[in-house]
Amino acid sequence: MGMSLQAINKRLETGKLSQEELERMASVMGCEYHSFFQFDDGSKVE
């Protein structure tokens, strides 16, 4: 990801990860990151 493990841990602790960093983390881990609001009727806002 281009960051030290300490830097990643600190950002995870503080919750200060950007959308791009979260997507990069997912890519590195071989999974997908989704960020959206989902309502009871099933509609989503991404």
C-alpha atoms as a PDB file:
ATOM      1  CA  MET A   1       0.000   0.000   0.000  1.00  0.00           C
ATOM      2  CA  GLY A   2       2.982   2.283   0.195  1.00  0.00           C
ATOM      3  CA  MET A   3       2.679   2.777   3.982  1.00  0.00           C
ATOM      4  CA  SER A   4       4.390   1.238   6.961  1.00  0.00           C
ATOM      5  CA  LEU A   5       2.449  -1.220   9.083  1.00  0.00           C
ATOM      6  CA  GLN A   6       2.604   1.282  11.949  1.00  0.00           C
ATOM      7  CA  ALA A   7       1.043   3.996   9.787  1.00  0.00           C
ATOM      8  CA  ILE A   8      -1.753   1.658   8.687  1.00  0.00           C
ATOM      9  CA  ASN A   9      -2.436   0.589  12.279  1.00  0.00           C
ATOM     10  CA  LYS A  10      -2.594   4.222  13.430  1.00  0.00           C
ATOM     11  CA  ARG A  11      -5.014   5.154  10.655  1.00  0.00           C
ATOM     12  CA  LEU A  12      -7.189   2.119  11.451  1.00  0.00           C
ATOM     13  CA  GLU A  13      -7.257   3.090  15.138  1.00  0.00           C
ATOM     14  CA  THR A  14      -8.283   6.663  14.384  1.00  0.00           C
ATOM     15  CA  GLY A  15     -10.642   5.731  11.540  1.00  0.00           C
ATOM     16  CA  LYS A  16      -8.906   8.205   9.240  1.00  0.00           C
ATOM     17  CA  LEU A  17      -8.613   6.161   6.069  1.00  0.00           C
ATOM     18  CA  SER A  18      -9.624   7.668   2.746  1.00  0.00           C
ATOM     19  CA  GLN A  19     -11.935   5.940   0.297  1.00  0.00           C
ATOM     20  CA  GLU A  20      -8.932   5.348  -1.973  1.00  0.00           C
ATOM     21  CA  GLU A  21      -6.920   3.756   0.857  1.00  0.00           C
ATOM     22  CA  LEU A  22      -9.800   1.453   1.783  1.00  0.00           C
ATOM     23  CA  GLU A  23     -10.181   0.371  -1.850  1.00  0.00           C
ATOM     24  CA  ARG A  24      -6.404  -0.223  -2.092  1.00  0.00           C
ATOM     25  CA  MET A  25      -6.482  -2.300   1.111  1.00  0.00           C
ATOM     26  CA  ALA A  26      -9.289  -4.426  -0.302  1.00  0.00           C
ATOM     27  CA  SER A  27      -7.345  -4.969  -3.515  1.00  0.00           C
ATOM     28  CA  VAL A  28      -4.242  -6.043  -1.591  1.00  0.00           C
ATOM     29  CA  MET A  29      -6.342  -8.469   0.479  1.00  0.00           C
ATOM     30  CA  GLY A  30      -8.064  -9.864  -2.616  1.00  0.00           C
ATOM     31  CA  CYS A  31     -11.536  -8.654  -1.707  1.00  0.00           C
ATOM     32  CA  GLU A  32     -13.912  -5.809  -2.545  1.00  0.00           C
ATOM     33  CA  TYR A  33     -14.661  -2.715  -0.479  1.00  0.00           C
ATOM     34  CA  HIS A  34     -18.172  -1.258  -0.720  1.00  0.00           C
ATOM     35  CA  SER A  35     -19.253   2.056   0.714  1.00  0.00           C
ATOM     36  CA  PHE A  36     -22.953   2.886   0.444  1.00  0.00           C
ATOM     37  CA  PHE A  37     -26.141   3.540   2.347  1.00  0.00           C
ATOM     38  CA  GLN A  38     -28.806   0.851   2.115  1.00  0.00           C
ATOM     39  CA  PHE A  39     -32.383   1.573   3.101  1.00  0.00           C
ATOM     40  CA  ASP A  40     -35.018  -0.820   4.447  1.00  0.00           C
ATOM     41  CA  ASP A  41     -36.725  -0.901   1.034  1.00  0.00           C
ATOM     42  CA  GLY A  42     -33.487  -2.265  -0.464  1.00  0.00           C
ATOM     43  CA  SER A  43     -32.506   0.905  -2.318  1.00  0.00           C
ATOM     44  CA  LYS A  44     -28.849   1.959  -2.185  1.00  0.00           C
ATOM     45  CA  VAL A  45     -26.996   5.242  -2.470  1.00  0.00           C
ATOM     46  CA  GLU A  46     -23.371   4.752  -3.436  1.00  0.00           C
END
